[in-house]
């Protein structure tokens, strides 16, 4: 059964502006593994914008916000062999997913010249 849907859109120039001011924004949003990929990225502002949009879409689908025991570091985005993105959860977010019987989490991420967007669909077991 459908648990939640979340979507987010990010202006890439806004991310670039934040990065020009300080790298702390990236450190706050990305996990250690994501920071490694970010540092190697040809377009780090685009990489960060997509990760941020995906994580925002997830917490919207969950119906919670970051804070209150949840952090960006509890959400990691990876890709399968075909390039399909998926989440890896830990900490309180992993606990939330188990408590809500979330059995499926679909993630779509896209970017265009000026924007990055993501959509998340969470499905829960009826049991």
PDB file of N, CA and C in Angstrom:
ATOM      1  N   UNK A   1       0.838  -1.174   0.000  1.00  0.00           N
ATOM      2  CA  UNK A   1       0.000   0.000   0.000  1.00  0.00           C
ATOM      3  C   UNK A   1       0.883   1.238   0.000  1.00  0.00           C
ATOM      4  N   UNK A   2       0.393   2.286  -0.596  1.00  0.00           N
ATOM      5  CA  UNK A   2       1.139   3.533  -0.698  1.00  0.00           C
ATOM      6  C   UNK A   2       1.299   4.158   0.685  1.00  0.00           C
ATOM      7  N   UNK A   3       2.521   4.510   1.049  1.00  0.00           N
ATOM      8  CA  UNK A   3       2.787   5.177   2.323  1.00  0.00           C
ATOM      9  C   UNK A   3       2.990   6.676   2.117  1.00  0.00           C
ATOM     10  N   UNK A   4       3.778   7.034   1.097  1.00  0.00           N
ATOM     11  CA  UNK A   4       4.040   8.449   0.870  1.00  0.00           C
ATOM     12  C   UNK A   4       4.742   8.708  -0.440  1.00  0.00           C
ATOM     13  N   UNK A   5       4.547   9.923  -0.942  1.00  0.00           N
ATOM     14  CA  UNK A   5       5.202  10.388  -2.162  1.00  0.00           C
ATOM     15  C   UNK A   5       5.881  11.709  -1.830  1.00  0.00           C
ATOM     16  N   UNK A   6       7.108  11.861  -2.282  1.00  0.00           N
ATOM     17  CA  UNK A   6       7.819  13.115  -2.066  1.00  0.00           C
ATOM     18  C   UNK A   6       8.533  13.540  -3.325  1.00  0.00           C
ATOM     19  N   UNK A   7       8.594  14.829  -3.537  1.00  0.00           N
ATOM     20  CA  UNK A   7       9.309  15.358  -4.692  1.00  0.00           C
ATOM     21  C   UNK A   7      10.049  16.623  -4.278  1.00  0.00           C
ATOM     22  N   UNK A   8      11.128  16.921  -4.966  1.00  0.00           N
ATOM     23  CA  UNK A   8      11.869  18.143  -4.674  1.00  0.00           C
ATOM     24  C   UNK A   8      12.565  18.608  -5.944  1.00  0.00           C
ATOM     25  N   UNK A   9      12.726  19.902  -6.048  1.00  0.00           N
ATOM     26  CA  UNK A   9      13.459  20.500  -7.164  1.00  0.00           C
ATOM     27  C   UNK A   9      14.449  21.503  -6.575  1.00  0.00           C
ATOM     28  N   UNK A  10      15.657  21.499  -7.107  1.00  0.00           N
ATOM     29  CA  UNK A  10      16.729  22.346  -6.589  1.00  0.00           C
ATOM     30  C   UNK A  10      17.336  23.138  -7.741  1.00  0.00           C
ATOM     31  N   UNK A  11      17.512  24.419  -7.526  1.00  0.00           N
ATOM     32  CA  UNK A  11      18.206  25.248  -8.507  1.00  0.00           C
ATOM     33  C   UNK A  11      19.712  25.039  -8.311  1.00  0.00           C
ATOM     34  N   UNK A  12      20.371  24.542  -9.330  1.00  0.00           N
ATOM     35  CA  UNK A  12      21.792  24.202  -9.226  1.00  0.00           C
ATOM     36  C   UNK A  12      22.638  25.436  -8.911  1.00  0.00           C
ATOM     37  N   UNK A  13      22.276  26.591  -9.435  1.00  0.00           N
ATOM     38  CA  UNK A  13      23.028  27.823  -9.156  1.00  0.00           C
ATOM     39  C   UNK A  13      22.987  28.165  -7.664  1.00  0.00           C
ATOM     40  N   UNK A  14      21.895  27.848  -7.004  1.00  0.00           N
ATOM     41  CA  UNK A  14      21.784  28.093  -5.563  1.00  0.00           C
ATOM     42  C   UNK A  14      22.766  27.217  -4.782  1.00  0.00           C
ATOM     43  N   UNK A  15      22.916  25.978  -5.227  1.00  0.00           N
ATOM     44  CA  UNK A  15      23.883  25.070  -4.604  1.00  0.00           C
ATOM     45  C   UNK A  15      25.299  25.589  -4.852  1.00  0.00           C
ATOM     46  N   UNK A  16      25.566  26.034  -6.077  1.00  0.00           N
ATOM     47  CA  UNK A  16      26.889  26.580  -6.404  1.00  0.00           C
ATOM     48  C   UNK A  16      27.207  27.779  -5.524  1.00  0.00           C
ATOM     49  N   UNK A  17      26.226  28.633  -5.308  1.00  0.00           N
ATOM     50  CA  UNK A  17      26.421  29.811  -4.462  1.00  0.00           C
ATOM     51  C   UNK A  17      26.757  29.399  -3.032  1.00  0.00           C
ATOM     52  N   UNK A  18      26.065  28.395  -2.514  1.00  0.00           N
ATOM     53  CA  UNK A  18      26.342  27.896  -1.160  1.00  0.00           C
ATOM     54  C   UNK A  18      27.748  27.308  -1.087  1.00  0.00           C
ATOM     55  N   UNK A  19      28.156  26.596  -2.124  1.00  0.00           N
ATOM     56  CA  UNK A  19      29.490  25.994  -2.152  1.00  0.00           C
ATOM     57  C   UNK A  19      30.587  27.048  -2.270  1.00  0.00           C
ATOM     58  N   UNK A  20      30.298  28.137  -2.961  1.00  0.00           N
ATOM     59  CA  UNK A  20      31.279  29.218  -3.077  1.00  0.00           C
ATOM     60  C   UNK A  20      31.547  29.849  -1.717  1.00  0.00           C
ATOM     61  N   UNK A  21      30.519  29.872  -0.874  1.00  0.00           N
ATOM     62  CA  UNK A  21      30.649  30.464   0.456  1.00  0.00           C
ATOM     63  C   UNK A  21      31.403  29.533   1.408  1.00  0.00           C
ATOM     64  N   UNK A  22      31.074  28.237   1.357  1.00  0.00           N
ATOM     65  CA  UNK A  22      31.695  27.279   2.275  1.00  0.00           C
ATOM     66  C   UNK A  22      31.427  25.853   1.809  1.00  0.00           C
ATOM     67  N   UNK A  23      32.325  24.958   2.148  1.00  0.00           N
ATOM     68  CA  UNK A  23      32.123  23.536   1.836  1.00  0.00           C
ATOM     69  C   UNK A  23      31.316  22.837   2.932  1.00  0.00           C
ATOM     70  N   UNK A  24      31.012  23.545   4.017  1.00  0.00           N
ATOM     71  CA  UNK A  24      30.268  22.923   5.119  1.00  0.00           C
ATOM     72  C   UNK A  24      28.910  22.404   4.672  1.00  0.00           C
ATOM     73  N   UNK A  25      28.304  23.052   3.695  1.00  0.00           N
ATOM     74  CA  UNK A  25      27.005  22.594   3.205  1.00  0.00           C
ATOM     75  C   UNK A  25      27.115  21.170   2.680  1.00  0.00           C
ATOM     76  N   UNK A  26      28.123  20.905   1.882  1.00  0.00           N
ATOM     77  CA  UNK A  26      28.324  19.550   1.344  1.00  0.00           C
ATOM     78  C   UNK A  26      28.592  18.562   2.472  1.00  0.00           C
ATOM     79  N   UNK A  27      29.400  18.946   3.435  1.00  0.00           N
ATOM     80  CA  UNK A  27      29.713  18.061   4.563  1.00  0.00           C
ATOM     81  C   UNK A  27      28.477  17.736   5.393  1.00  0.00           C
ATOM     82  N   UNK A  28      27.546  18.668   5.467  1.00  0.00           N
ATOM     83  CA  UNK A  28      26.316  18.453   6.230  1.00  0.00           C
ATOM     84  C   UNK A  28      25.350  17.514   5.501  1.00  0.00           C
ATOM     85  N   UNK A  29      25.329  17.566   4.187  1.00  0.00           N
ATOM     86  CA  UNK A  29      24.354  16.813   3.391  1.00  0.00           C
ATOM     87  C   UNK A  29      24.851  15.416   3.041  1.00  0.00           C
ATOM     88  N   UNK A  30      26.111  15.277   2.710  1.00  0.00           N
ATOM     89  CA  UNK A  30      26.634  14.029   2.148  1.00  0.00           C
ATOM     90  C   UNK A  30      27.254  13.122   3.204  1.00  0.00           C
ATOM     91  N   UNK A  31      27.115  11.811   2.982  1.00  0.00           N
ATOM     92  CA  UNK A  31      27.806  10.838   3.821  1.00  0.00           C
ATOM     93  C   UNK A  31      29.281  10.814   3.420  1.00  0.00           C
ATOM     94  N   UNK A  32      30.067  10.093   4.166  1.00  0.00           N
ATOM     95  CA  UNK A  32      31.499  10.003   3.858  1.00  0.00           C
ATOM     96  C   UNK A  32      31.729   9.411   2.465  1.00  0.00           C
ATOM     97  N   UNK A  33      30.995   8.348   2.141  1.00  0.00           N
ATOM     98  CA  UNK A  33      31.130   7.725   0.814  1.00  0.00           C
ATOM     99  C   UNK A  33      30.695   8.690  -0.287  1.00  0.00           C
ATOM    100  N   UNK A  34      29.616   9.432  -0.053  1.00  0.00           N
ATOM    101  CA  UNK A  34      29.150  10.405  -1.041  1.00  0.00           C
ATOM    102  C   UNK A  34      30.150  11.553  -1.190  1.00  0.00           C
ATOM    103  N   UNK A  35      30.804  11.946  -0.098  1.00  0.00           N
ATOM    104  CA  UNK A  35      31.814  13.014  -0.164  1.00  0.00           C
ATOM    105  C   UNK A  35      32.979  12.611  -1.063  1.00  0.00           C
ATOM    106  N   UNK A  36      33.339  11.342  -1.025  1.00  0.00           N
ATOM    107  CA  UNK A  36      34.417  10.849  -1.887  1.00  0.00           C
ATOM    108  C   UNK A  36      34.027  11.005  -3.355  1.00  0.00           C
ATOM    109  N   UNK A  37      32.796  10.619  -3.691  1.00  0.00           N
ATOM    110  CA  UNK A  37      32.312  10.756  -5.068  1.00  0.00           C
ATOM    111  C   UNK A  37      32.173  12.231  -5.451  1.00  0.00           C
ATOM    112  N   UNK A  38      31.682  13.025  -4.526  1.00  0.00           N
ATOM    113  CA  UNK A  38      31.520  14.466  -4.743  1.00  0.00           C
ATOM    114  C   UNK A  38      32.866  15.112  -5.085  1.00  0.00           C
ATOM    115  N   UNK A  39      33.888  14.765  -4.317  1.00  0.00           N
ATOM    116  CA  UNK A  39      35.224  15.335  -4.520  1.00  0.00           C
ATOM    117  C   UNK A  39      35.810  14.961  -5.877  1.00  0.00           C
ATOM    118  N   UNK A  40      35.430  13.797  -6.398  1.00  0.00           N
ATOM    119  CA  UNK A  40      35.933  13.332  -7.691  1.00  0.00           C
ATOM    120  C   UNK A  40      35.054  13.769  -8.863  1.00  0.00           C
ATOM    121  N   UNK A  41      33.914  14.375  -8.561  1.00  0.00           N
ATOM    122  CA  UNK A  41      32.950  14.730  -9.598  1.00  0.00           C
ATOM    123  C   UNK A  41      33.445  15.884 -10.469  1.00  0.00           C
ATOM    124  N   UNK A  42      33.164  15.783 -11.755  1.00  0.00           N
ATOM    125  CA  UNK A  42      33.497  16.849 -12.700  1.00  0.00           C
ATOM    126  C   UNK A  42      32.609  18.075 -12.462  1.00  0.00           C
ATOM    127  N   UNK A  43      31.378  17.825 -11.992  1.00  0.00           N
ATOM    128  CA  UNK A  43      30.415  18.891 -11.718  1.00  0.00           C
ATOM    129  C   UNK A  43      29.887  18.732 -10.294  1.00  0.00           C
ATOM    130  N   UNK A  44      30.666  19.117  -9.293  1.00  0.00           N
ATOM    131  CA  UNK A  44      30.268  18.880  -7.904  1.00  0.00           C
ATOM    132  C   UNK A  44      28.954  19.557  -7.509  1.00  0.00           C
ATOM    133  N   UNK A  45      28.675  20.732  -8.061  1.00  0.00           N
ATOM    134  CA  UNK A  45      27.425  21.414  -7.721  1.00  0.00           C
ATOM    135  C   UNK A  45      26.217  20.620  -8.216  1.00  0.00           C
ATOM    136  N   UNK A  46      26.338  19.996  -9.367  1.00  0.00           N
ATOM    137  CA  UNK A  46      25.269  19.173  -9.931  1.00  0.00           C
ATOM    138  C   UNK A  46      25.104  17.890  -9.110  1.00  0.00           C
ATOM    139  N   UNK A  47      26.218  17.275  -8.737  1.00  0.00           N
ATOM    140  CA  UNK A  47      26.197  16.069  -7.905  1.00  0.00           C
ATOM    141  C   UNK A  47      25.480  16.356  -6.585  1.00  0.00           C
ATOM    142  N   UNK A  48      25.872  17.441  -5.924  1.00  0.00           N
ATOM    143  CA  UNK A  48      25.280  17.777  -4.633  1.00  0.00           C
ATOM    144  C   UNK A  48      23.806  18.142  -4.773  1.00  0.00           C
ATOM    145  N   UNK A  49      23.449  18.865  -5.814  1.00  0.00           N
ATOM    146  CA  UNK A  49      22.048  19.246  -6.026  1.00  0.00           C
ATOM    147  C   UNK A  49      21.162  18.010  -6.176  1.00  0.00           C
ATOM    148  N   UNK A  50      21.634  17.013  -6.905  1.00  0.00           N
ATOM    149  CA  UNK A  50      20.844  15.785  -7.090  1.00  0.00           C
ATOM    150  C   UNK A  50      20.703  15.018  -5.783  1.00  0.00           C
ATOM    151  N   UNK A  51      21.783  14.904  -5.017  1.00  0.00           N
ATOM    152  CA  UNK A  51      21.716  14.193  -3.731  1.00  0.00           C
ATOM    153  C   UNK A  51      20.791  14.926  -2.768  1.00  0.00           C
ATOM    154  N   UNK A  52      20.904  16.254  -2.733  1.00  0.00           N
ATOM    155  CA  UNK A  52      20.060  17.043  -1.845  1.00  0.00           C
ATOM    156  C   UNK A  52      18.588  16.888  -2.219  1.00  0.00           C
ATOM    157  N   UNK A  53      18.274  16.985  -3.506  1.00  0.00           N
ATOM    158  CA  UNK A  53      16.886  16.834  -3.953  1.00  0.00           C
ATOM    159  C   UNK A  53      16.342  15.460  -3.582  1.00  0.00           C
ATOM    160  N   UNK A  54      17.146  14.421  -3.757  1.00  0.00           N
ATOM    161  CA  UNK A  54      16.701  13.059  -3.437  1.00  0.00           C
ATOM    162  C   UNK A  54      16.435  12.897  -1.942  1.00  0.00           C
ATOM    163  N   UNK A  55      17.317  13.421  -1.119  1.00  0.00           N
ATOM    164  CA  UNK A  55      17.146  13.293   0.331  1.00  0.00           C
ATOM    165  C   UNK A  55      15.949  14.108   0.810  1.00  0.00           C
ATOM    166  N   UNK A  56      15.752  15.291   0.241  1.00  0.00           N
ATOM    167  CA  UNK A  56      14.577  16.109   0.564  1.00  0.00           C
ATOM    168  C   UNK A  56      13.291  15.392   0.155  1.00  0.00           C
ATOM    169  N   UNK A  57      13.277  14.808  -1.031  1.00  0.00           N
ATOM    170  CA  UNK A  57      12.095  14.081  -1.497  1.00  0.00           C
ATOM    171  C   UNK A  57      11.784  12.917  -0.563  1.00  0.00           C
ATOM    172  N   UNK A  58      12.819  12.247  -0.075  1.00  0.00           N
ATOM    173  CA  UNK A  58      12.611  11.128   0.848  1.00  0.00           C
ATOM    174  C   UNK A  58      11.936  11.581   2.128  1.00  0.00           C
ATOM    175  N   UNK A  59      12.458  12.622   2.777  1.00  0.00           N
ATOM    176  CA  UNK A  59      11.858  13.031   4.052  1.00  0.00           C
ATOM    177  C   UNK A  59      10.448  13.571   3.847  1.00  0.00           C
ATOM    178  N   UNK A  60      10.161  14.118   2.678  1.00  0.00           N
ATOM    179  CA  UNK A  60       8.790  14.535   2.367  1.00  0.00           C
ATOM    180  C   UNK A  60       7.887  13.314   2.241  1.00  0.00           C
ATOM    181  N   UNK A  61       8.364  12.268   1.590  1.00  0.00           N
ATOM    182  CA  UNK A  61       7.577  11.035   1.468  1.00  0.00           C
ATOM    183  C   UNK A  61       7.360  10.387   2.833  1.00  0.00           C
ATOM    184  N   UNK A  62       8.343  10.508   3.712  1.00  0.00           N
ATOM    185  CA  UNK A  62       8.223   9.966   5.064  1.00  0.00           C
ATOM    186  C   UNK A  62       7.241  10.776   5.905  1.00  0.00           C
ATOM    187  N   UNK A  63       7.065  12.049   5.563  1.00  0.00           N
ATOM    188  CA  UNK A  63       6.196  12.921   6.350  1.00  0.00           C
ATOM    189  C   UNK A  63       6.895  13.501   7.565  1.00  0.00           C
ATOM    190  N   UNK A  64       8.215  13.550   7.527  1.00  0.00           N
ATOM    191  CA  UNK A  64       9.003  14.106   8.632  1.00  0.00           C
ATOM    192  C   UNK A  64       9.967  15.134   8.056  1.00  0.00           C
ATOM    193  N   UNK A  65      10.676  15.792   8.908  1.00  0.00           N
ATOM    194  CA  UNK A  65      11.706  16.716   8.454  1.00  0.00           C
ATOM    195  C   UNK A  65      13.041  16.317   9.038  1.00  0.00           C
ATOM    196  N   UNK A  66      14.079  16.913   8.533  1.00  0.00           N
ATOM    197  CA  UNK A  66      15.396  16.684   9.124  1.00  0.00           C
ATOM    198  C   UNK A  66      15.436  17.453  10.438  1.00  0.00           C
ATOM    199  N   UNK A  67      16.041  16.846  11.422  1.00  0.00           N
ATOM    200  CA  UNK A  67      15.995  17.342  12.795  1.00  0.00           C
ATOM    201  C   UNK A  67      15.172  16.348  13.587  1.00  0.00           C
ATOM    202  N   UNK A  68      14.905  16.618  14.821  1.00  0.00           N
ATOM    203  CA  UNK A  68      14.115  15.698  15.649  1.00  0.00           C
ATOM    204  C   UNK A  68      14.654  14.275  15.588  1.00  0.00           C
ATOM    205  N   UNK A  69      15.964  14.138  15.597  1.00  0.00           N
ATOM    206  CA  UNK A  69      16.570  12.809  15.593  1.00  0.00           C
ATOM    207  C   UNK A  69      16.944  12.277  14.226  1.00  0.00           C
ATOM    208  N   UNK A  70      16.574  12.975  13.163  1.00  0.00           N
ATOM    209  CA  UNK A  70      16.903  12.550  11.803  1.00  0.00           C
ATOM    210  C   UNK A  70      17.970  13.479  11.228  1.00  0.00           C
ATOM    211  N   UNK A  71      18.917  12.908  10.480  1.00  0.00           N
ATOM    212  CA  UNK A  71      19.940  13.743   9.842  1.00  0.00           C
ATOM    213  C   UNK A  71      20.196  13.254   8.416  1.00  0.00           C
ATOM    214  N   UNK A  72      20.785  14.145   7.623  1.00  0.00           N
ATOM    215  CA  UNK A  72      21.123  13.804   6.235  1.00  0.00           C
ATOM    216  C   UNK A  72      22.104  12.640   6.181  1.00  0.00           C
ATOM    217  N   UNK A  73      22.930  12.509   7.208  1.00  0.00           N
ATOM    218  CA  UNK A  73      23.945  11.456   7.244  1.00  0.00           C
ATOM    219  C   UNK A  73      23.339  10.058   7.366  1.00  0.00           C
ATOM    220  N   UNK A  74      22.073   9.975   7.706  1.00  0.00           N
ATOM    221  CA  UNK A  74      21.387   8.684   7.840  1.00  0.00           C
ATOM    222  C   UNK A  74      20.848   8.180   6.505  1.00  0.00           C
ATOM    223  N   UNK A  75      21.061   8.956   5.456  1.00  0.00           N
ATOM    224  CA  UNK A  75      20.556   8.628   4.120  1.00  0.00           C
ATOM    225  C   UNK A  75      21.732   8.630   3.154  1.00  0.00           C
ATOM    226  N   UNK A  76      21.948   7.518   2.493  1.00  0.00           N
ATOM    227  CA  UNK A  76      22.995   7.444   1.468  1.00  0.00           C
ATOM    228  C   UNK A  76      22.361   7.000   0.161  1.00  0.00           C
ATOM    229  N   UNK A  77      22.816   7.578  -0.924  1.00  0.00           N
ATOM    230  CA  UNK A  77      22.298   7.223  -2.245  1.00  0.00           C
ATOM    231  C   UNK A  77      23.388   6.491  -3.006  1.00  0.00           C
ATOM    232  N   UNK A  78      23.033   5.320  -3.494  1.00  0.00           N
ATOM    233  CA  UNK A  78      23.943   4.508  -4.302  1.00  0.00           C
ATOM    234  C   UNK A  78      23.246   4.183  -5.614  1.00  0.00           C
ATOM    235  N   UNK A  79      23.948   3.500  -6.507  1.00  0.00           N
ATOM    236  CA  UNK A  79      23.390   3.117  -7.808  1.00  0.00           C
ATOM    237  C   UNK A  79      23.695   1.653  -8.068  1.00  0.00           C
ATOM    238  N   UNK A  80      22.716   0.955  -8.665  1.00  0.00           N
ATOM    239  CA  UNK A  80      22.968  -0.445  -9.015  1.00  0.00           C
ATOM    240  C   UNK A  80      23.794  -0.511 -10.304  1.00  0.00           C
ATOM    241  N   UNK A  81      24.055  -1.715 -10.785  1.00  0.00           N
ATOM    242  CA  UNK A  81      24.889  -1.899 -11.978  1.00  0.00           C
ATOM    243  C   UNK A  81      24.311  -1.245 -13.231  1.00  0.00           C
ATOM    244  N   UNK A  82      23.002  -1.045 -13.238  1.00  0.00           N
ATOM    245  CA  UNK A  82      22.345  -0.417 -14.381  1.00  0.00           C
ATOM    246  C   UNK A  82      22.246   1.105 -14.222  1.00  0.00           C
ATOM    247  N   UNK A  83      22.706   1.624 -13.086  1.00  0.00           N
ATOM    248  CA  UNK A  83      22.669   3.060 -12.842  1.00  0.00           C
ATOM    249  C   UNK A  83      21.453   3.540 -12.075  1.00  0.00           C
ATOM    250  N   UNK A  84      20.554   2.618 -11.718  1.00  0.00           N
ATOM    251  CA  UNK A  84      19.346   3.003 -10.989  1.00  0.00           C
ATOM    252  C   UNK A  84      19.711   3.405  -9.559  1.00  0.00           C
ATOM    253  N   UNK A  85      19.266   4.598  -9.130  1.00  0.00           N
ATOM    254  CA  UNK A  85      19.588   5.030  -7.771  1.00  0.00           C
ATOM    255  C   UNK A  85      18.716   4.323  -6.732  1.00  0.00           C
ATOM    256  N   UNK A  86      19.306   4.136  -5.560  1.00  0.00           N
ATOM    257  CA  UNK A  86      18.549   3.582  -4.433  1.00  0.00           C
ATOM    258  C   UNK A  86      19.133   4.128  -3.137  1.00  0.00           C
ATOM    259  N   UNK A  87      18.332   4.042  -2.080  1.00  0.00           N
ATOM    260  CA  UNK A  87      18.745   4.538  -0.773  1.00  0.00           C
ATOM    261  C   UNK A  87      19.331   3.425   0.075  1.00  0.00           C
ATOM    262  N   UNK A  88      20.264   3.794   0.921  1.00  0.00           N
ATOM    263  CA  UNK A  88      20.756   2.951   2.005  1.00  0.00           C
ATOM    264  C   UNK A  88      20.519   3.772   3.272  1.00  0.00           C
ATOM    265  N   UNK A  89      19.776   3.197   4.217  1.00  0.00           N
ATOM    266  CA  UNK A  89      19.414   3.908   5.436  1.00  0.00           C
ATOM    267  C   UNK A  89      20.208   3.400   6.621  1.00  0.00           C
ATOM    268  N   UNK A  90      20.397   4.272   7.604  1.00  0.00           N
ATOM    269  CA  UNK A  90      20.962   3.850   8.877  1.00  0.00           C
ATOM    270  C   UNK A  90      20.366   4.706   9.988  1.00  0.00           C
ATOM    271  N   UNK A  91      20.650   4.337  11.217  1.00  0.00           N
ATOM    272  CA  UNK A  91      20.199   5.115  12.364  1.00  0.00           C
ATOM    273  C   UNK A  91      18.691   5.210  12.475  1.00  0.00           C
ATOM    274  N   UNK A  92      18.226   6.377  12.888  1.00  0.00           N
ATOM    275  CA  UNK A  92      16.804   6.588  13.154  1.00  0.00           C
ATOM    276  C   UNK A  92      15.946   6.446  11.896  1.00  0.00           C
ATOM    277  N   UNK A  93      16.492   6.746  10.739  1.00  0.00           N
ATOM    278  CA  UNK A  93      15.701   6.600   9.508  1.00  0.00           C
ATOM    279  C   UNK A  93      15.497   5.123   9.190  1.00  0.00           C
ATOM    280  N   UNK A  94      16.513   4.320   9.386  1.00  0.00           N
ATOM    281  CA  UNK A  94      16.361   2.870   9.207  1.00  0.00           C
ATOM    282  C   UNK A  94      15.315   2.332  10.186  1.00  0.00           C
ATOM    283  N   UNK A  95      15.343   2.801  11.417  1.00  0.00           N
ATOM    284  CA  UNK A  95      14.366   2.393  12.428  1.00  0.00           C
ATOM    285  C   UNK A  95      12.958   2.816  12.026  1.00  0.00           C
ATOM    286  N   UNK A  96      12.813   4.038  11.518  1.00  0.00           N
ATOM    287  CA  UNK A  96      11.523   4.544  11.054  1.00  0.00           C
ATOM    288  C   UNK A  96      10.956   3.653   9.956  1.00  0.00           C
ATOM    289  N   UNK A  97      11.793   3.318   8.978  1.00  0.00           N
ATOM    290  CA  UNK A  97      11.337   2.488   7.857  1.00  0.00           C
ATOM    291  C   UNK A  97      10.832   1.129   8.348  1.00  0.00           C
ATOM    292  N   UNK A  98      11.542   0.536   9.285  1.00  0.00           N
ATOM    293  CA  UNK A  98      11.120  -0.761   9.833  1.00  0.00           C
ATOM    294  C   UNK A  98       9.829  -0.612  10.626  1.00  0.00           C
ATOM    295  N   UNK A  99       9.722   0.429  11.435  1.00  0.00           N
ATOM    296  CA  UNK A  99       8.533   0.638  12.268  1.00  0.00           C
ATOM    297  C   UNK A  99       7.292   0.901  11.426  1.00  0.00           C
ATOM    298  N   UNK A 100       7.466   1.525  10.272  1.00  0.00           N
ATOM    299  CA  UNK A 100       6.336   1.832   9.386  1.00  0.00           C
ATOM    300  C   UNK A 100       6.090   0.724   8.359  1.00  0.00           C
ATOM    301  N   UNK A 101       6.837  -0.360   8.467  1.00  0.00           N
ATOM    302  CA  UNK A 101       6.716  -1.495   7.540  1.00  0.00           C
ATOM    303  C   UNK A 101       6.926  -1.092   6.082  1.00  0.00           C
ATOM    304  N   UNK A 102       7.883  -0.194   5.843  1.00  0.00           N
ATOM    305  CA  UNK A 102       8.197   0.214   4.471  1.00  0.00           C
ATOM    306  C   UNK A 102       8.917  -0.948   3.789  1.00  0.00           C
ATOM    307  N   UNK A 103       8.315  -1.441   2.715  1.00  0.00           N
ATOM    308  CA  UNK A 103       8.869  -2.607   2.018  1.00  0.00           C
ATOM    309  C   UNK A 103       9.458  -2.254   0.656  1.00  0.00           C
ATOM    310  N   UNK A 104       9.152  -1.071   0.161  1.00  0.00           N
ATOM    311  CA  UNK A 104       9.650  -0.676  -1.152  1.00  0.00           C
ATOM    312  C   UNK A 104       9.854   0.833  -1.173  1.00  0.00           C
ATOM    313  N   UNK A 105      10.962   1.241  -1.740  1.00  0.00           N
ATOM    314  CA  UNK A 105      11.281   2.664  -1.848  1.00  0.00           C
ATOM    315  C   UNK A 105      11.804   2.910  -3.258  1.00  0.00           C
ATOM    316  N   UNK A 106      11.041   3.627  -4.051  1.00  0.00           N
ATOM    317  CA  UNK A 106      11.436   3.941  -5.422  1.00  0.00           C
ATOM    318  C   UNK A 106      11.979   5.363  -5.478  1.00  0.00           C
ATOM    319  N   UNK A 107      13.102   5.531  -6.155  1.00  0.00           N
ATOM    320  CA  UNK A 107      13.758   6.828  -6.266  1.00  0.00           C
ATOM    321  C   UNK A 107      14.067   7.120  -7.726  1.00  0.00           C
ATOM    322  N   UNK A 108      13.713   8.322  -8.154  1.00  0.00           N
ATOM    323  CA  UNK A 108      14.078   8.797  -9.484  1.00  0.00           C
ATOM    324  C   UNK A 108      14.752  10.157  -9.319  1.00  0.00           C
ATOM    325  N   UNK A 109      15.893  10.324  -9.973  1.00  0.00           N
ATOM    326  CA  UNK A 109      16.649  11.581  -9.905  1.00  0.00           C
ATOM    327  C   UNK A 109      16.926  12.040 -11.331  1.00  0.00           C
ATOM    328  N   UNK A 110      16.780  13.342 -11.565  1.00  0.00           N
ATOM    329  CA  UNK A 110      17.052  13.881 -12.892  1.00  0.00           C
ATOM    330  C   UNK A 110      17.641  15.280 -12.755  1.00  0.00           C
ATOM    331  N   UNK A 111      18.391  15.693 -13.754  1.00  0.00           N
ATOM    332  CA  UNK A 111      18.870  17.068 -13.769  1.00  0.00           C
ATOM    333  C   UNK A 111      18.868  17.589 -15.194  1.00  0.00           C
ATOM    334  N   UNK A 112      18.748  18.878 -15.277  1.00  0.00           N
ATOM    335  CA  UNK A 112      18.737  19.595 -16.535  1.00  0.00           C
ATOM    336  C   UNK A 112      19.703  20.748 -16.333  1.00  0.00           C
ATOM    337  N   UNK A 113      19.844  21.591 -17.263  1.00  0.00           N
ATOM    338  CA  UNK A 113      20.841  22.653 -17.222  1.00  0.00           C
ATOM    339  C   UNK A 113      20.822  23.452 -15.912  1.00  0.00           C
ATOM    340  N   UNK A 114      19.647  23.834 -15.435  1.00  0.00           N
ATOM    341  CA  UNK A 114      19.559  24.719 -14.274  1.00  0.00           C
ATOM    342  C   UNK A 114      18.990  24.072 -13.018  1.00  0.00           C
ATOM    343  N   UNK A 115      18.422  22.875 -13.144  1.00  0.00           N
ATOM    344  CA  UNK A 115      17.710  22.276 -12.017  1.00  0.00           C
ATOM    345  C   UNK A 115      18.031  20.796 -11.850  1.00  0.00           C
ATOM    346  N   UNK A 116      17.903  20.356 -10.610  1.00  0.00           N
ATOM    347  CA  UNK A 116      17.945  18.929 -10.285  1.00  0.00           C
ATOM    348  C   UNK A 116      16.625  18.612  -9.593  1.00  0.00           C
ATOM    349  N   UNK A 117      16.091  17.440  -9.865  1.00  0.00           N
ATOM    350  CA  UNK A 117      14.819  17.057  -9.269  1.00  0.00           C
ATOM    351  C   UNK A 117      14.857  15.593  -8.863  1.00  0.00           C
ATOM    352  N   UNK A 118      14.021  15.258  -7.902  1.00  0.00           N
ATOM    353  CA  UNK A 118      13.928  13.869  -7.456  1.00  0.00           C
ATOM    354  C   UNK A 118      12.501  13.582  -7.014  1.00  0.00           C
ATOM    355  N   UNK A 119      12.135  12.322  -7.149  1.00  0.00           N
ATOM    356  CA  UNK A 119      10.826  11.851  -6.697  1.00  0.00           C
ATOM    357  C   UNK A 119      11.025  10.537  -5.965  1.00  0.00           C
ATOM    358  N   UNK A 120      10.302  10.372  -4.856  1.00  0.00           N
ATOM    359  CA  UNK A 120      10.378   9.163  -4.044  1.00  0.00           C
ATOM    360  C   UNK A 120       8.967   8.645  -3.801  1.00  0.00           C
ATOM    361  N   UNK A 121       8.800   7.342  -3.941  1.00  0.00           N
ATOM    362  CA  UNK A 121       7.544   6.673  -3.599  1.00  0.00           C
ATOM    363  C   UNK A 121       7.870   5.605  -2.567  1.00  0.00           C
ATOM    364  N   UNK A 122       7.178   5.668  -1.429  1.00  0.00           N
ATOM    365  CA  UNK A 122       7.347   4.674  -0.371  1.00  0.00           C
ATOM    366  C   UNK A 122       6.110   3.797  -0.307  1.00  0.00           C
ATOM    367  N   UNK A 123       6.334   2.493  -0.261  1.00  0.00           N
ATOM    368  CA  UNK A 123       5.241   1.536  -0.134  1.00  0.00           C
ATOM    369  C   UNK A 123       5.423   0.763   1.163  1.00  0.00           C
ATOM    370  N   UNK A 124       4.310   0.567   1.870  1.00  0.00           N
ATOM    371  CA  UNK A 124       4.341  -0.158   3.137  1.00  0.00           C
ATOM    372  C   UNK A 124       3.561  -1.455   3.007  1.00  0.00           C
ATOM    373  N   UNK A 125       3.951  -2.419   3.814  1.00  0.00           N
ATOM    374  CA  UNK A 125       3.225  -3.680   3.889  1.00  0.00           C
ATOM    375  C   UNK A 125       1.889  -3.417   4.573  1.00  0.00           C
ATOM    376  N   UNK A 126       0.851  -4.101   4.131  1.00  0.00           N
ATOM    377  CA  UNK A 126      -0.471  -3.938   4.741  1.00  0.00           C
ATOM    378  C   UNK A 126      -0.536  -4.592   6.115  1.00  0.00           C
ATOM    379  N   UNK A 127       0.429  -5.412   6.445  1.00  0.00           N
ATOM    380  CA  UNK A 127       0.423  -6.135   7.718  1.00  0.00           C
ATOM    381  C   UNK A 127       0.848  -5.264   8.859  1.00  0.00           C
TER     382      UNK A 127
END
